[in-house]
Amino acid sequence: MSASDWSNLTLHLEESLTGALGHYLDNWRQNMTAAANALDKTLAEENFKNVIWYLAVMIGMFAFIIVAILVSTVKSKRREHSDDPYHKYIEEDWTAQIKQSHIINNLGAN
């Protein structure tokens, strides 16, 4: 084989490999485009307005429950709702201790 045969062989291999790779990439691009078009068509058929409304309702219900829990906790900690026996016992115990300490202080001052 002469040098010109080898150069023609290299040129022939380059052309055939370039053509095969180009053909493969063209087919791949068409497949990707077809898949993208199918996905776009599927997404266009879907109705996302219902999903948005569903999320809005769920977030609203969650927010309502959280606010209700916070309000009920704050209302239960108010002073005017503390007329149960346990709070009265604590209040009477504290006022008794304050009166007792006041009497002891007055006796010590004399």
PDB file of N, CA and C in Angstrom:
ATOM      1  N   MET A   1       0.831  -1.169   0.000  1.00  0.00           N
ATOM      2  CA  MET A   1       0.000   0.000   0.000  1.00  0.00           C
ATOM      3  C   MET A   1       0.883   1.241   0.000  1.00  0.00           C
ATOM      4  N   SER A   2       0.500   2.135  -0.791  1.00  0.00           N
ATOM      5  CA  SER A   2       1.276   3.370  -0.894  1.00  0.00           C
ATOM      6  C   SER A   2       0.746   4.403   0.092  1.00  0.00           C
ATOM      7  N   ALA A   3       1.440   5.495   0.237  1.00  0.00           N
ATOM      8  CA  ALA A   3       1.070   6.563   1.173  1.00  0.00           C
ATOM      9  C   ALA A   3      -0.246   7.206   0.763  1.00  0.00           C
ATOM     10  N   SER A   4      -0.512   7.316  -0.539  1.00  0.00           N
ATOM     11  CA  SER A   4      -1.759   7.939  -0.990  1.00  0.00           C
ATOM     12  C   SER A   4      -2.966   7.070  -0.641  1.00  0.00           C
ATOM     13  N   ASP A   5      -2.800   5.738  -0.633  1.00  0.00           N
ATOM     14  CA  ASP A   5      -3.893   4.852  -0.220  1.00  0.00           C
ATOM     15  C   ASP A   5      -4.240   5.053   1.257  1.00  0.00           C
ATOM     16  N   TRP A   6      -3.178   5.216   2.046  1.00  0.00           N
ATOM     17  CA  TRP A   6      -3.412   5.440   3.481  1.00  0.00           C
ATOM     18  C   TRP A   6      -4.098   6.782   3.710  1.00  0.00           C
ATOM     19  N   SER A   7      -3.718   7.785   2.984  1.00  0.00           N
ATOM     20  CA  SER A   7      -4.357   9.092   3.165  1.00  0.00           C
ATOM     21  C   SER A   7      -5.808   9.040   2.688  1.00  0.00           C
ATOM     22  N   ASN A   8      -6.080   8.308   1.612  1.00  0.00           N
ATOM     23  CA  ASN A   8      -7.462   8.148   1.150  1.00  0.00           C
ATOM     24  C   ASN A   8      -8.282   7.340   2.151  1.00  0.00           C
ATOM     25  N   LEU A   9      -7.632   6.330   2.758  1.00  0.00           N
ATOM     26  CA  LEU A   9      -8.328   5.523   3.767  1.00  0.00           C
ATOM     27  C   LEU A   9      -8.696   6.386   4.977  1.00  0.00           C
ATOM     28  N   THR A  10      -7.778   7.209   5.409  1.00  0.00           N
ATOM     29  CA  THR A  10      -8.043   8.107   6.545  1.00  0.00           C
ATOM     30  C   THR A  10      -9.146   9.088   6.198  1.00  0.00           C
ATOM     31  N   LEU A  11      -9.094   9.638   5.018  1.00  0.00           N
ATOM     32  CA  LEU A  11     -10.130  10.565   4.577  1.00  0.00           C
ATOM     33  C   LEU A  11     -11.484   9.862   4.487  1.00  0.00           C
ATOM     34  N   HIS A  12     -11.487   8.639   3.970  1.00  0.00           N
ATOM     35  CA  HIS A  12     -12.715   7.868   3.872  1.00  0.00           C
ATOM     36  C   HIS A  12     -13.271   7.543   5.259  1.00  0.00           C
ATOM     37  N   LEU A  13     -12.415   7.138   6.199  1.00  0.00           N
ATOM     38  CA  LEU A  13     -12.874   6.847   7.571  1.00  0.00           C
ATOM     39  C   LEU A  13     -13.402   8.103   8.253  1.00  0.00           C
ATOM     40  N   GLU A  14     -12.723   9.211   8.031  1.00  0.00           N
ATOM     41  CA  GLU A  14     -13.169  10.473   8.639  1.00  0.00           C
ATOM     42  C   GLU A  14     -14.553  10.848   8.125  1.00  0.00           C
ATOM     43  N   GLU A  15     -14.754  10.737   6.816  1.00  0.00           N
ATOM     44  CA  GLU A  15     -16.055  11.086   6.239  1.00  0.00           C
ATOM     45  C   GLU A  15     -17.149  10.148   6.737  1.00  0.00           C
ATOM     46  N   SER A  16     -16.852   8.848   6.802  1.00  0.00           N
ATOM     47  CA  SER A  16     -17.886   7.898   7.234  1.00  0.00           C
ATOM     48  C   SER A  16     -18.215   8.079   8.722  1.00  0.00           C
ATOM     49  N   LEU A  17     -17.191   8.302   9.573  1.00  0.00           N
ATOM     50  CA  LEU A  17     -17.449   8.511  10.998  1.00  0.00           C
ATOM     51  C   LEU A  17     -18.176   9.836  11.257  1.00  0.00           C
ATOM     52  N   THR A  18     -17.788  10.858  10.532  1.00  0.00           N
ATOM     53  CA  THR A  18     -18.468  12.157  10.660  1.00  0.00           C
ATOM     54  C   THR A  18     -19.921  12.039  10.230  1.00  0.00           C
ATOM     55  N   GLY A  19     -20.161  11.338   9.123  1.00  0.00           N
ATOM     56  CA  GLY A  19     -21.530  11.141   8.647  1.00  0.00           C
ATOM     57  C   GLY A  19     -22.360  10.325   9.629  1.00  0.00           C
ATOM     58  N   ALA A  20     -21.767   9.254  10.205  1.00  0.00           N
ATOM     59  CA  ALA A  20     -22.493   8.419  11.165  1.00  0.00           C
ATOM     60  C   ALA A  20     -22.819   9.208  12.430  1.00  0.00           C
ATOM     61  N   LEU A  21     -21.837   9.978  12.922  1.00  0.00           N
ATOM     62  CA  LEU A  21     -22.073  10.783  14.116  1.00  0.00           C
ATOM     63  C   LEU A  21     -23.120  11.864  13.856  1.00  0.00           C
ATOM     64  N   GLY A  22     -23.037  12.502  12.695  1.00  0.00           N
ATOM     65  CA  GLY A  22     -24.030  13.517  12.340  1.00  0.00           C
ATOM     66  C   GLY A  22     -25.428  12.931  12.256  1.00  0.00           C
ATOM     67  N   HIS A  23     -25.544  11.740  11.636  1.00  0.00           N
ATOM     68  CA  HIS A  23     -26.838  11.062  11.537  1.00  0.00           C
ATOM     69  C   HIS A  23     -27.384  10.720  12.928  1.00  0.00           C
ATOM     70  N   TYR A  24     -26.510  10.207  13.802  1.00  0.00           N
ATOM     71  CA  TYR A  24     -26.922   9.863  15.168  1.00  0.00           C
ATOM     72  C   TYR A  24     -27.399  11.095  15.924  1.00  0.00           C
ATOM     73  N   LEU A  25     -26.652  12.199  15.833  1.00  0.00           N
ATOM     74  CA  LEU A  25     -27.032  13.422  16.544  1.00  0.00           C
ATOM     75  C   LEU A  25     -28.326  14.014  15.998  1.00  0.00           C
ATOM     76  N   ASP A  26     -28.547  13.936  14.705  1.00  0.00           N
ATOM     77  CA  ASP A  26     -29.802  14.413  14.128  1.00  0.00           C
ATOM     78  C   ASP A  26     -30.992  13.612  14.644  1.00  0.00           C
ATOM     79  N   ASN A  27     -30.839  12.283  14.670  1.00  0.00           N
ATOM     80  CA  ASN A  27     -31.909  11.437  15.200  1.00  0.00           C
ATOM     81  C   ASN A  27     -32.166  11.716  16.676  1.00  0.00           C
ATOM     82  N   TRP A  28     -31.073  11.904  17.423  1.00  0.00           N
ATOM     83  CA  TRP A  28     -31.209  12.181  18.858  1.00  0.00           C
ATOM     84  C   TRP A  28     -31.929  13.509  19.081  1.00  0.00           C
ATOM     85  N   ARG A  29     -31.579  14.529  18.294  1.00  0.00           N
ATOM     86  CA  ARG A  29     -32.222  15.828  18.418  1.00  0.00           C
ATOM     87  C   ARG A  29     -33.707  15.735  18.078  1.00  0.00           C
ATOM     88  N   GLN A  30     -34.065  14.947  17.059  1.00  0.00           N
ATOM     89  CA  GLN A  30     -35.469  14.779  16.693  1.00  0.00           C
ATOM     90  C   GLN A  30     -36.222  14.049  17.806  1.00  0.00           C
ATOM     91  N   ASN A  31     -35.581  13.045  18.397  1.00  0.00           N
ATOM     92  CA  ASN A  31     -36.230  12.330  19.498  1.00  0.00           C
ATOM     93  C   ASN A  31     -36.435  13.241  20.694  1.00  0.00           C
ATOM     94  N   MET A  32     -35.427  14.050  21.002  1.00  0.00           N
ATOM     95  CA  MET A  32     -35.551  14.981  22.126  1.00  0.00           C
ATOM     96  C   MET A  32     -36.630  16.018  21.850  1.00  0.00           C
ATOM     97  N   THR A  33     -36.708  16.490  20.637  1.00  0.00           N
ATOM     98  CA  THR A  33     -37.738  17.457  20.271  1.00  0.00           C
ATOM     99  C   THR A  33     -39.116  16.821  20.363  1.00  0.00           C
ATOM    100  N   ALA A  34     -39.227  15.567  19.907  1.00  0.00           N
ATOM    101  CA  ALA A  34     -40.517  14.873  19.992  1.00  0.00           C
ATOM    102  C   ALA A  34     -40.915  14.667  21.449  1.00  0.00           C
ATOM    103  N   ALA A  35     -39.954  14.300  22.299  1.00  0.00           N
ATOM    104  CA  ALA A  35     -40.255  14.112  23.727  1.00  0.00           C
ATOM    105  C   ALA A  35     -40.651  15.441  24.370  1.00  0.00           C
ATOM    106  N   ALA A  36     -39.953  16.512  24.024  1.00  0.00           N
ATOM    107  CA  ALA A  36     -40.282  17.828  24.571  1.00  0.00           C
ATOM    108  C   ALA A  36     -41.662  18.272  24.111  1.00  0.00           C
ATOM    109  N   ASN A  37     -41.984  18.019  22.848  1.00  0.00           N
ATOM    110  CA  ASN A  37     -43.316  18.375  22.342  1.00  0.00           C
ATOM    111  C   ASN A  37     -44.409  17.567  23.036  1.00  0.00           C
ATOM    112  N   ALA A  38     -44.143  16.280  23.270  1.00  0.00           N
ATOM    113  CA  ALA A  38     -45.125  15.453  23.974  1.00  0.00           C
ATOM    114  C   ALA A  38     -45.333  15.942  25.398  1.00  0.00           C
ATOM    115  N   LEU A  39     -44.241  16.329  26.057  1.00  0.00           N
ATOM    116  CA  LEU A  39     -44.351  16.852  27.416  1.00  0.00           C
ATOM    117  C   LEU A  39     -45.114  18.166  27.431  1.00  0.00           C
ATOM    118  N   ASP A  40     -44.821  19.050  26.506  1.00  0.00           N
ATOM    119  CA  ASP A  40     -45.540  20.323  26.424  1.00  0.00           C
ATOM    120  C   ASP A  40     -47.029  20.093  26.182  1.00  0.00           C
ATOM    121  N   LYS A  41     -47.344  19.124  25.332  1.00  0.00           N
ATOM    122  CA  LYS A  41     -48.745  18.820  25.046  1.00  0.00           C
ATOM    123  C   LYS A  41     -49.445  18.282  26.295  1.00  0.00           C
ATOM    124  N   THR A  42     -48.761  17.414  27.035  1.00  0.00           N
ATOM    125  CA  THR A  42     -49.342  16.862  28.263  1.00  0.00           C
ATOM    126  C   THR A  42     -49.555  17.959  29.301  1.00  0.00           C
ATOM    127  N   LEU A  43     -48.575  18.840  29.455  1.00  0.00           N
ATOM    128  CA  LEU A  43     -48.712  19.919  30.426  1.00  0.00           C
ATOM    129  C   LEU A  43     -49.796  20.904  30.017  1.00  0.00           C
ATOM    130  N   ALA A  44     -49.965  21.117  28.723  1.00  0.00           N
ATOM    131  CA  ALA A  44     -51.011  22.016  28.255  1.00  0.00           C
ATOM    132  C   ALA A  44     -52.393  21.429  28.520  1.00  0.00           C
ATOM    133  N   GLU A  45     -52.498  20.103  28.500  1.00  0.00           N
ATOM    134  CA  GLU A  45     -53.787  19.465  28.753  1.00  0.00           C
ATOM    135  C   GLU A  45     -54.155  19.489  30.235  1.00  0.00           C
ATOM    136  N   GLU A  46     -53.139  19.529  31.090  1.00  0.00           N
ATOM    137  CA  GLU A  46     -53.402  19.551  32.525  1.00  0.00           C
ATOM    138  C   GLU A  46     -54.011  20.894  32.915  1.00  0.00           C
ATOM    139  N   ASN A  47     -54.852  20.853  33.936  1.00  0.00           N
ATOM    140  CA  ASN A  47     -55.464  22.073  34.430  1.00  0.00           C
ATOM    141  C   ASN A  47     -54.845  22.386  35.792  1.00  0.00           C
ATOM    142  N   PHE A  48     -53.895  23.320  35.810  1.00  0.00           N
ATOM    143  CA  PHE A  48     -53.206  23.639  37.052  1.00  0.00           C
ATOM    144  C   PHE A  48     -53.967  24.635  37.912  1.00  0.00           C
ATOM    145  N   LYS A  49     -55.073  25.168  37.410  1.00  0.00           N
ATOM    146  CA  LYS A  49     -55.864  26.074  38.246  1.00  0.00           C
ATOM    147  C   LYS A  49     -56.424  25.336  39.446  1.00  0.00           C
ATOM    148  N   ASN A  50     -56.826  24.091  39.261  1.00  0.00           N
ATOM    149  CA  ASN A  50     -57.344  23.319  40.378  1.00  0.00           C
ATOM    150  C   ASN A  50     -56.263  23.028  41.403  1.00  0.00           C
ATOM    151  N   VAL A  51     -55.064  22.817  40.949  1.00  0.00           N
ATOM    152  CA  VAL A  51     -53.953  22.563  41.871  1.00  0.00           C
ATOM    153  C   VAL A  51     -53.674  23.812  42.688  1.00  0.00           C
ATOM    154  N   ILE A  52     -53.700  24.958  42.056  1.00  0.00           N
ATOM    155  CA  ILE A  52     -53.455  26.211  42.768  1.00  0.00           C
ATOM    156  C   ILE A  52     -54.542  26.457  43.804  1.00  0.00           C
ATOM    157  N   TRP A  53     -55.796  26.198  43.445  1.00  0.00           N
ATOM    158  CA  TRP A  53     -56.885  26.364  44.412  1.00  0.00           C
ATOM    159  C   TRP A  53     -56.752  25.379  45.570  1.00  0.00           C
ATOM    160  N   TYR A  54     -56.357  24.162  45.265  1.00  0.00           N
ATOM    161  CA  TYR A  54     -56.157  23.162  46.314  1.00  0.00           C
ATOM    162  C   TYR A  54     -55.078  23.619  47.294  1.00  0.00           C
ATOM    163  N   LEU A  55     -53.960  24.084  46.758  1.00  0.00           N
ATOM    164  CA  LEU A  55     -52.890  24.573  47.637  1.00  0.00           C
ATOM    165  C   LEU A  55     -53.343  25.783  48.453  1.00  0.00           C
ATOM    166  N   ALA A  56     -54.078  26.690  47.841  1.00  0.00           N
ATOM    167  CA  ALA A  56     -54.551  27.876  48.560  1.00  0.00           C
ATOM    168  C   ALA A  56     -55.486  27.476  49.702  1.00  0.00           C
ATOM    169  N   VAL A  57     -56.384  26.530  49.449  1.00  0.00           N
ATOM    170  CA  VAL A  57     -57.309  26.081  50.499  1.00  0.00           C
ATOM    171  C   VAL A  57     -56.557  25.381  51.621  1.00  0.00           C
ATOM    172  N   MET A  58     -55.612  24.530  51.278  1.00  0.00           N
ATOM    173  CA  MET A  58     -54.849  23.815  52.306  1.00  0.00           C
ATOM    174  C   MET A  58     -54.023  24.773  53.160  1.00  0.00           C
ATOM    175  N   ILE A  59     -53.372  25.734  52.528  1.00  0.00           N
ATOM    176  CA  ILE A  59     -52.579  26.710  53.287  1.00  0.00           C
ATOM    177  C   ILE A  59     -53.501  27.571  54.151  1.00  0.00           C
ATOM    178  N   GLY A  60     -54.662  27.926  53.626  1.00  0.00           N
ATOM    179  CA  GLY A  60     -55.630  28.703  54.408  1.00  0.00           C
ATOM    180  C   GLY A  60     -56.127  27.941  55.619  1.00  0.00           C
ATOM    181  N   MET A  61     -56.430  26.661  55.449  1.00  0.00           N
ATOM    182  CA  MET A  61     -56.884  25.854  56.593  1.00  0.00           C
ATOM    183  C   MET A  61     -55.785  25.728  57.634  1.00  0.00           C
ATOM    184  N   PHE A  62     -54.560  25.509  57.188  1.00  0.00           N
ATOM    185  CA  PHE A  62     -53.437  25.412  58.112  1.00  0.00           C
ATOM    186  C   PHE A  62     -53.261  26.722  58.886  1.00  0.00           C
ATOM    187  N   ALA A  63     -53.336  27.845  58.174  1.00  0.00           N
ATOM    188  CA  ALA A  63     -53.193  29.151  58.835  1.00  0.00           C
ATOM    189  C   ALA A  63     -54.316  29.379  59.827  1.00  0.00           C
ATOM    190  N   PHE A  64     -55.544  29.002  59.479  1.00  0.00           N
ATOM    191  CA  PHE A  64     -56.679  29.161  60.397  1.00  0.00           C
ATOM    192  C   PHE A  64     -56.483  28.348  61.669  1.00  0.00           C
ATOM    193  N   ILE A  65     -56.013  27.113  61.531  1.00  0.00           N
ATOM    194  CA  ILE A  65     -55.791  26.262  62.699  1.00  0.00           C
ATOM    195  C   ILE A  65     -54.695  26.850  63.586  1.00  0.00           C
ATOM    196  N   ILE A  66     -53.624  27.324  62.996  1.00  0.00           N
ATOM    197  CA  ILE A  66     -52.529  27.913  63.772  1.00  0.00           C
ATOM    198  C   ILE A  66     -53.003  29.158  64.505  1.00  0.00           C
ATOM    199  N   VAL A  67     -53.743  30.021  63.826  1.00  0.00           N
ATOM    200  CA  VAL A  67     -54.255  31.236  64.466  1.00  0.00           C
ATOM    201  C   VAL A  67     -55.223  30.879  65.587  1.00  0.00           C
ATOM    202  N   ALA A  68     -56.077  29.885  65.370  1.00  0.00           N
ATOM    203  CA  ALA A  68     -57.013  29.470  66.416  1.00  0.00           C
ATOM    204  C   ALA A  68     -56.273  28.950  67.646  1.00  0.00           C
ATOM    205  N   ILE A  69     -55.233  28.183  67.437  1.00  0.00           N
ATOM    206  CA  ILE A  69     -54.444  27.678  68.563  1.00  0.00           C
ATOM    207  C   ILE A  69     -53.770  28.829  69.306  1.00  0.00           C
ATOM    208  N   LEU A  70     -53.203  29.772  68.568  1.00  0.00           N
ATOM    209  CA  LEU A  70     -52.544  30.905  69.216  1.00  0.00           C
ATOM    210  C   LEU A  70     -53.533  31.765  69.993  1.00  0.00           C
ATOM    211  N   VAL A  71     -54.687  32.036  69.411  1.00  0.00           N
ATOM    212  CA  VAL A  71     -55.690  32.865  70.093  1.00  0.00           C
ATOM    213  C   VAL A  71     -56.207  32.155  71.337  1.00  0.00           C
ATOM    214  N   SER A  72     -56.485  30.872  71.247  1.00  0.00           N
ATOM    215  CA  SER A  72     -56.990  30.156  72.421  1.00  0.00           C
ATOM    216  C   SER A  72     -55.932  30.094  73.517  1.00  0.00           C
ATOM    217  N   THR A  73     -54.667  29.983  73.160  1.00  0.00           N
ATOM    218  CA  THR A  73     -53.602  29.979  74.164  1.00  0.00           C
ATOM    219  C   THR A  73     -53.500  31.339  74.841  1.00  0.00           C
ATOM    220  N   VAL A  74     -53.572  32.397  74.060  1.00  0.00           N
ATOM    221  CA  VAL A  74     -53.486  33.739  74.640  1.00  0.00           C
ATOM    222  C   VAL A  74     -54.693  34.018  75.532  1.00  0.00           C
ATOM    223  N   LYS A  75     -55.877  33.632  75.086  1.00  0.00           N
ATOM    224  CA  LYS A  75     -57.080  33.869  75.892  1.00  0.00           C
ATOM    225  C   LYS A  75     -57.054  33.076  77.180  1.00  0.00           C
ATOM    226  N   SER A  76     -56.489  31.879  77.161  1.00  0.00           N
ATOM    227  CA  SER A  76     -56.466  31.068  78.379  1.00  0.00           C
ATOM    228  C   SER A  76     -55.460  31.603  79.389  1.00  0.00           C
ATOM    229  N   LYS A  77     -54.514  32.417  78.955  1.00  0.00           N
ATOM    230  CA  LYS A  77     -53.513  32.977  79.866  1.00  0.00           C
ATOM    231  C   LYS A  77     -53.939  34.320  80.451  1.00  0.00           C
ATOM    232  N   ARG A  78     -55.071  34.838  80.078  1.00  0.00           N
ATOM    233  CA  ARG A  78     -55.524  36.127  80.591  1.00  0.00           C
ATOM    234  C   ARG A  78     -55.885  36.024  82.067  1.00  0.00           C
ATOM    235  N   ARG A  79     -55.790  37.146  82.743  1.00  0.00           N
ATOM    236  CA  ARG A  79     -56.023  37.197  84.185  1.00  0.00           C
ATOM    237  C   ARG A  79     -57.500  36.998  84.525  1.00  0.00           C
ATOM    238  N   GLU A  80     -58.422  37.546  83.721  1.00  0.00           N
ATOM    239  CA  GLU A  80     -59.841  37.480  84.066  1.00  0.00           C
ATOM    240  C   GLU A  80     -60.427  36.073  83.949  1.00  0.00           C
ATOM    241  N   HIS A  81     -59.722  35.165  83.294  1.00  0.00           N
ATOM    242  CA  HIS A  81     -60.208  33.795  83.184  1.00  0.00           C
ATOM    243  C   HIS A  81     -59.527  32.881  84.185  1.00  0.00           C
ATOM    244  N   SER A  82     -58.979  33.458  85.236  1.00  0.00           N
ATOM    245  CA  SER A  82     -58.240  32.645  86.192  1.00  0.00           C
ATOM    246  C   SER A  82     -59.033  32.433  87.476  1.00  0.00           C
ATOM    247  N   ASP A  83     -60.316  32.126  87.370  1.00  0.00           N
ATOM    248  CA  ASP A  83     -61.124  31.915  88.566  1.00  0.00           C
ATOM    249  C   ASP A  83     -61.307  30.432  88.872  1.00  0.00           C
ATOM    250  N   ASP A  84     -60.392  29.610  88.432  1.00  0.00           N
ATOM    251  CA  ASP A  84     -60.480  28.211  88.822  1.00  0.00           C
ATOM    252  C   ASP A  84     -59.834  28.044  90.203  1.00  0.00           C
ATOM    253  N   PRO A  85     -60.150  26.972  90.901  1.00  0.00           N
ATOM    254  CA  PRO A  85     -59.685  26.808  92.287  1.00  0.00           C
ATOM    255  C   PRO A  85     -58.168  26.832  92.447  1.00  0.00           C
ATOM    256  N   TYR A  86     -57.459  26.321  91.487  1.00  0.00           N
ATOM    257  CA  TYR A  86     -56.001  26.290  91.623  1.00  0.00           C
ATOM    258  C   TYR A  86     -55.433  27.705  91.650  1.00  0.00           C
ATOM    259  N   HIS A  87     -55.908  28.572  90.731  1.00  0.00           N
ATOM    260  CA  HIS A  87     -55.424  29.950  90.713  1.00  0.00           C
ATOM    261  C   HIS A  87     -55.837  30.693  91.975  1.00  0.00           C
ATOM    262  N   LYS A  88     -57.047  30.434  92.474  1.00  0.00           N
ATOM    263  CA  LYS A  88     -57.493  31.089  93.706  1.00  0.00           C
ATOM    264  C   LYS A  88     -56.631  30.647  94.880  1.00  0.00           C
ATOM    265  N   TYR A  89     -56.262  29.380  94.931  1.00  0.00           N
ATOM    266  CA  TYR A  89     -55.413  28.880  95.997  1.00  0.00           C
ATOM    267  C   TYR A  89     -54.053  29.578  95.967  1.00  0.00           C
ATOM    268  N   ILE A  90     -53.477  29.700  94.793  1.00  0.00           N
ATOM    269  CA  ILE A  90     -52.180  30.363  94.658  1.00  0.00           C
ATOM    270  C   ILE A  90     -52.302  31.827  95.064  1.00  0.00           C
ATOM    271  N   GLU A  91     -53.371  32.492  94.623  1.00  0.00           N
ATOM    272  CA  GLU A  91     -53.552  33.908  94.938  1.00  0.00           C
ATOM    273  C   GLU A  91     -53.719  34.101  96.441  1.00  0.00           C
ATOM    274  N   GLU A  92     -54.524  33.244  97.057  1.00  0.00           N
ATOM    275  CA  GLU A  92     -54.720  33.360  98.512  1.00  0.00           C
ATOM    276  C   GLU A  92     -53.427  33.060  99.252  1.00  0.00           C
ATOM    277  N   ASP A  93     -52.673  32.112  98.796  1.00  0.00           N
ATOM    278  CA  ASP A  93     -51.408  31.768  99.435  1.00  0.00           C
ATOM    279  C   ASP A  93     -50.426  32.936  99.331  1.00  0.00           C
ATOM    280  N   TRP A  94     -50.366  33.572  98.175  1.00  0.00           N
ATOM    281  CA  TRP A  94     -49.451  34.699  98.001  1.00  0.00           C
ATOM    282  C   TRP A  94     -49.878  35.897  98.854  1.00  0.00           C
ATOM    283  N   THR A  95     -51.170  36.183  98.845  1.00  0.00           N
ATOM    284  CA  THR A  95     -51.617  37.330  99.651  1.00  0.00           C
ATOM    285  C   THR A  95     -51.399  37.058 101.129  1.00  0.00           C
ATOM    286  N   ALA A  96     -51.545  35.810 101.567  1.00  0.00           N
ATOM    287  CA  ALA A  96     -51.284  35.474 102.972  1.00  0.00           C
ATOM    288  C   ALA A  96     -49.804  35.675 103.292  1.00  0.00           C
ATOM    289  N   GLN A  97     -48.935  35.294 102.405  1.00  0.00           N
ATOM    290  CA  GLN A  97     -47.499  35.475 102.634  1.00  0.00           C
ATOM    291  C   GLN A  97     -47.133  36.958 102.646  1.00  0.00           C
ATOM    292  N   ILE A  98     -47.752  37.741 101.779  1.00  0.00           N
ATOM    293  CA  ILE A  98     -47.460  39.180 101.747  1.00  0.00           C
ATOM    294  C   ILE A  98     -47.928  39.827 103.047  1.00  0.00           C
ATOM    295  N   LYS A  99     -49.126  39.489 103.536  1.00  0.00           N
ATOM    296  CA  LYS A  99     -49.634  40.048 104.781  1.00  0.00           C
ATOM    297  C   LYS A  99     -48.741  39.650 105.952  1.00  0.00           C
ATOM    298  N   GLN A 100     -48.305  38.394 105.946  1.00  0.00           N
ATOM    299  CA  GLN A 100     -47.463  37.900 107.017  1.00  0.00           C
ATOM    300  C   GLN A 100     -46.118  38.626 107.019  1.00  0.00           C
ATOM    301  N   SER A 101     -45.522  38.825 105.861  1.00  0.00           N
ATOM    302  CA  SER A 101     -44.241  39.528 105.803  1.00  0.00           C
ATOM    303  C   SER A 101     -44.407  40.991 106.184  1.00  0.00           C
ATOM    304  N   HIS A 102     -45.558  41.582 105.858  1.00  0.00           N
ATOM    305  CA  HIS A 102     -45.827  42.978 106.230  1.00  0.00           C
ATOM    306  C   HIS A 102     -45.950  43.101 107.754  1.00  0.00           C
ATOM    307  N   ILE A 103     -46.599  42.149 108.381  1.00  0.00           N
ATOM    308  CA  ILE A 103     -46.747  42.155 109.848  1.00  0.00           C
ATOM    309  C   ILE A 103     -45.385  41.972 110.502  1.00  0.00           C
ATOM    310  N   ILE A 104     -44.577  41.079 109.986  1.00  0.00           N
ATOM    311  CA  ILE A 104     -43.244  40.841 110.552  1.00  0.00           C
ATOM    312  C   ILE A 104     -42.382  42.085 110.397  1.00  0.00           C
ATOM    313  N   ASN A 105     -42.464  42.747 109.262  1.00  0.00           N
ATOM    314  CA  ASN A 105     -41.685  43.978 109.057  1.00  0.00           C
ATOM    315  C   ASN A 105     -42.129  45.074 110.025  1.00  0.00           C
ATOM    316  N   ASN A 106     -43.441  45.193 110.250  1.00  0.00           N
ATOM    317  CA  ASN A 106     -43.942  46.207 111.176  1.00  0.00           C
ATOM    318  C   ASN A 106     -43.512  45.912 112.602  1.00  0.00           C
ATOM    319  N   LEU A 107     -43.489  44.635 112.991  1.00  0.00           N
ATOM    320  CA  LEU A 107     -43.063  44.285 114.342  1.00  0.00           C
ATOM    321  C   LEU A 107     -41.567  44.569 114.523  1.00  0.00           C
ATOM    322  N   GLY A 108     -40.808  44.340 113.490  1.00  0.00           N
ATOM    323  CA  GLY A 108     -39.361  44.588 113.573  1.00  0.00           C
ATOM    324  C   GLY A 108     -39.050  46.080 113.622  1.00  0.00           C
ATOM    325  N   ALA A 109     -39.906  46.915 113.090  1.00  0.00           N
ATOM    326  CA  ALA A 109     -39.673  48.357 113.060  1.00  0.00           C
ATOM    327  C   ALA A 109     -39.921  48.965 114.438  1.00  0.00           C
ATOM    328  N   ASN A 110     -40.746  48.325 115.274  1.00  0.00           N
ATOM    329  CA  ASN A 110     -41.069  48.882 116.615  1.00  0.00           C
ATOM    330  C   ASN A 110     -39.987  48.622 117.541  1.00  0.00           C
TER     331      ASN A 110
END
